[in-house]
Amino acid sequence: MGYLQGSVCYDTWSEWQDATFTGVPPSYTPGSTTYEAWLAKTAGVWNVCRAQLSSTGVRSAQYCVAAPPFTSGTVPTCDVGAPLLDGAAMGFLVLLVLLAGWGAIKMKEQIR
């Protein structure tokens, strides 16, 4: 069993977290004093970090807290081996079509 993020099935919970949290870009409003927020991984734990960003781009008052917990029960699951089985089935069908074509050519040669 894996964990689904978009159309990608990740094998482990840690891989899913890494892919999900690294896909969130930092957010801020340029031109005015604002608060910048981003996600950072420290010692294997994801944290939500925040800093004050002045209109000149100076960052101050930075702090980080643990990211809100995601539990594996709230994330869609998927079968990691399903794409392999789908590919094997398609390959088998292509092989059958090629064998049928080869058989038709051999039968045509026998008729002559």
C-alpha atoms as a PDB file:
ATOM      1  CA  MET A   1       0.000   0.000   0.000  1.00  0.00           C
ATOM      2  CA  GLY A   2       1.262   3.455  -0.907  1.00  0.00           C
ATOM      3  CA  TYR A   3       0.130   7.052  -0.529  1.00  0.00           C
ATOM      4  CA  LEU A   4      -1.254   9.098  -3.414  1.00  0.00           C
ATOM      5  CA  GLN A   5      -0.163  12.668  -4.194  1.00  0.00           C
ATOM      6  CA  GLY A   6      -1.687  13.894  -7.438  1.00  0.00           C
ATOM      7  CA  SER A   7      -1.088  11.051  -9.877  1.00  0.00           C
ATOM      8  CA  VAL A   8       2.039   9.709  -8.158  1.00  0.00           C
ATOM      9  CA  CYS A   9       1.944   6.786  -5.722  1.00  0.00           C
ATOM     10  CA  TYR A  10       4.635   6.999  -3.026  1.00  0.00           C
ATOM     11  CA  ASP A  11       5.752   3.800  -1.324  1.00  0.00           C
ATOM     12  CA  THR A  12       6.262   5.213   2.186  1.00  0.00           C
ATOM     13  CA  TRP A  13       4.659   7.858   4.365  1.00  0.00           C
ATOM     14  CA  SER A  14       7.981   9.726   4.612  1.00  0.00           C
ATOM     15  CA  GLU A  15       8.306   9.918   0.802  1.00  0.00           C
ATOM     16  CA  TRP A  16       4.744  11.269   0.566  1.00  0.00           C
ATOM     17  CA  GLN A  17       5.485  13.971   3.177  1.00  0.00           C
ATOM     18  CA  ASP A  18       8.700  15.005   1.417  1.00  0.00           C
ATOM     19  CA  ALA A  19       6.961  15.277  -1.952  1.00  0.00           C
ATOM     20  CA  THR A  20       3.957  17.125  -0.532  1.00  0.00           C
ATOM     21  CA  PHE A  21       5.767  19.609   1.661  1.00  0.00           C
ATOM     22  CA  THR A  22       8.528  20.456  -0.835  1.00  0.00           C
ATOM     23  CA  GLY A  23       5.848  21.292  -3.397  1.00  0.00           C
ATOM     24  CA  VAL A  24       4.591  24.231  -1.309  1.00  0.00           C
ATOM     25  CA  PRO A  25       6.460  27.389  -2.353  1.00  0.00           C
ATOM     26  CA  PRO A  26       7.244  30.183   0.112  1.00  0.00           C
ATOM     27  CA  SER A  27       4.587  32.880   0.100  1.00  0.00           C
ATOM     28  CA  TYR A  28       5.000  36.614   0.653  1.00  0.00           C
ATOM     29  CA  THR A  29       3.762  39.987  -0.594  1.00  0.00           C
ATOM     30  CA  PRO A  30       6.574  42.121  -2.051  1.00  0.00           C
ATOM     31  CA  GLY A  31       6.642  45.897  -1.542  1.00  0.00           C
ATOM     32  CA  SER A  32       5.257  45.998   1.984  1.00  0.00           C
ATOM     33  CA  THR A  33       6.077  44.575   5.378  1.00  0.00           C
ATOM     34  CA  THR A  34       4.642  41.126   5.402  1.00  0.00           C
ATOM     35  CA  TYR A  35       5.121  37.692   6.867  1.00  0.00           C
ATOM     36  CA  GLU A  36       6.824  35.019   4.813  1.00  0.00           C
ATOM     37  CA  ALA A  37       5.845  31.413   5.475  1.00  0.00           C
ATOM     38  CA  TRP A  38       7.534  28.232   4.274  1.00  0.00           C
ATOM     39  CA  LEU A  39       7.980  24.585   5.182  1.00  0.00           C
ATOM     40  CA  ALA A  40      11.385  23.277   6.283  1.00  0.00           C
ATOM     41  CA  LYS A  41      12.585  19.838   7.316  1.00  0.00           C
ATOM     42  CA  THR A  42      14.839  19.716  10.382  1.00  0.00           C
ATOM     43  CA  ALA A  43      16.104  16.433  11.814  1.00  0.00           C
ATOM     44  CA  GLY A  44      13.476  14.486   9.855  1.00  0.00           C
ATOM     45  CA  VAL A  45      10.547  16.597  11.118  1.00  0.00           C
ATOM     46  CA  TRP A  46       8.619  19.065   8.980  1.00  0.00           C
ATOM     47  CA  ASN A  47       8.162  22.550  10.456  1.00  0.00           C
ATOM     48  CA  VAL A  48       6.166  25.598   9.418  1.00  0.00           C
ATOM     49  CA  CYS A  49       8.544  28.552   9.519  1.00  0.00           C
ATOM     50  CA  ARG A  50       7.631  32.206   9.529  1.00  0.00           C
ATOM     51  CA  ALA A  51       9.561  35.461   9.359  1.00  0.00           C
ATOM     52  CA  GLN A  52       8.810  39.132   9.068  1.00  0.00           C
ATOM     53  CA  LEU A  53       9.954  40.479   5.718  1.00  0.00           C
ATOM     54  CA  SER A  54      10.368  44.249   5.400  1.00  0.00           C
ATOM     55  CA  SER A  55       9.648  46.199   2.225  1.00  0.00           C
ATOM     56  CA  THR A  56      13.408  46.280   1.569  1.00  0.00           C
ATOM     57  CA  GLY A  57      13.677  42.481   1.807  1.00  0.00           C
ATOM     58  CA  VAL A  58      15.223  42.241   5.283  1.00  0.00           C
ATOM     59  CA  ARG A  59      14.082  39.113   7.110  1.00  0.00           C
ATOM     60  CA  SER A  60      13.698  39.243  10.901  1.00  0.00           C
ATOM     61  CA  ALA A  61      11.843  37.558  13.767  1.00  0.00           C
ATOM     62  CA  GLN A  62      12.148  34.103  12.235  1.00  0.00           C
ATOM     63  CA  TYR A  63      10.628  31.157  14.081  1.00  0.00           C
ATOM     64  CA  CYS A  64       9.548  27.618  13.276  1.00  0.00           C
ATOM     65  CA  VAL A  65       6.892  25.354  14.797  1.00  0.00           C
ATOM     66  CA  ALA A  66       5.936  21.764  14.056  1.00  0.00           C
ATOM     67  CA  ALA A  67       3.806  21.395  10.946  1.00  0.00           C
ATOM     68  CA  PRO A  68       0.178  20.439  11.457  1.00  0.00           C
ATOM     69  CA  PRO A  69       0.063  16.663  11.647  1.00  0.00           C
ATOM     70  CA  PHE A  70      -1.139  14.720   8.673  1.00  0.00           C
ATOM     71  CA  THR A  71      -2.170  11.203   9.424  1.00  0.00           C
ATOM     72  CA  SER A  72      -1.954   8.467   6.869  1.00  0.00           C
ATOM     73  CA  GLY A  73      -5.676   7.870   7.392  1.00  0.00           C
ATOM     74  CA  THR A  74      -6.536  11.211   5.752  1.00  0.00           C
ATOM     75  CA  VAL A  75      -4.435  10.633   2.626  1.00  0.00           C
ATOM     76  CA  PRO A  76      -5.709   8.603  -0.350  1.00  0.00           C
ATOM     77  CA  THR A  77      -3.964   5.252  -0.686  1.00  0.00           C
ATOM     78  CA  CYS A  78      -2.826   3.450  -3.803  1.00  0.00           C
ATOM     79  CA  ASP A  79      -1.216   0.204  -4.898  1.00  0.00           C
ATOM     80  CA  VAL A  80       2.468   0.718  -5.656  1.00  0.00           C
ATOM     81  CA  GLY A  81       2.616  -2.416  -7.833  1.00  0.00           C
ATOM     82  CA  ALA A  82      -0.402  -1.519  -9.983  1.00  0.00           C
ATOM     83  CA  PRO A  83       1.567   0.305 -12.722  1.00  0.00           C
ATOM     84  CA  LEU A  84       3.871  -2.705 -13.067  1.00  0.00           C
ATOM     85  CA  LEU A  85       0.906  -5.050 -13.504  1.00  0.00           C
ATOM     86  CA  ASP A  86      -0.736  -2.651 -15.964  1.00  0.00           C
ATOM     87  CA  GLY A  87       2.480  -2.504 -17.998  1.00  0.00           C
ATOM     88  CA  ALA A  88       2.805  -6.291 -17.978  1.00  0.00           C
ATOM     89  CA  ALA A  89      -0.783  -6.667 -19.188  1.00  0.00           C
ATOM     90  CA  MET A  90      -0.243  -4.162 -22.016  1.00  0.00           C
ATOM     91  CA  GLY A  91       3.002  -5.898 -22.990  1.00  0.00           C
ATOM     92  CA  PHE A  92       1.212  -9.241 -23.095  1.00  0.00           C
ATOM     93  CA  LEU A  93      -1.503  -7.800 -25.353  1.00  0.00           C
ATOM     94  CA  VAL A  94       1.090  -6.342 -27.722  1.00  0.00           C
ATOM     95  CA  LEU A  95       2.843  -9.721 -27.808  1.00  0.00           C
ATOM     96  CA  LEU A  96      -0.461 -11.435 -28.682  1.00  0.00           C
ATOM     97  CA  VAL A  97      -1.069  -9.008 -31.556  1.00  0.00           C
ATOM     98  CA  LEU A  98       2.457  -9.556 -32.894  1.00  0.00           C
ATOM     99  CA  LEU A  99       2.088 -13.338 -32.638  1.00  0.00           C
ATOM    100  CA  ALA A 100      -1.277 -13.198 -34.408  1.00  0.00           C
ATOM    101  CA  GLY A 101       0.279 -11.153 -37.223  1.00  0.00           C
ATOM    102  CA  TRP A 102       3.231 -13.539 -37.486  1.00  0.00           C
ATOM    103  CA  GLY A 103       0.829 -16.510 -37.524  1.00  0.00           C
ATOM    104  CA  ALA A 104      -1.238 -14.918 -40.296  1.00  0.00           C
ATOM    105  CA  ILE A 105       1.903 -14.373 -42.400  1.00  0.00           C
ATOM    106  CA  LYS A 106       3.021 -17.990 -41.889  1.00  0.00           C
ATOM    107  CA  MET A 107      -0.417 -19.300 -42.820  1.00  0.00           C
ATOM    108  CA  LYS A 108      -0.393 -17.166 -45.970  1.00  0.00           C
ATOM    109  CA  GLU A 109       3.031 -18.614 -46.881  1.00  0.00           C
ATOM    110  CA  GLN A 110       1.711 -22.171 -46.409  1.00  0.00           C
ATOM    111  CA  ILE A 111      -1.245 -21.528 -48.722  1.00  0.00           C
ATOM    112  CA  ARG A 112       0.967 -20.490 -51.649  1.00  0.00           C
END
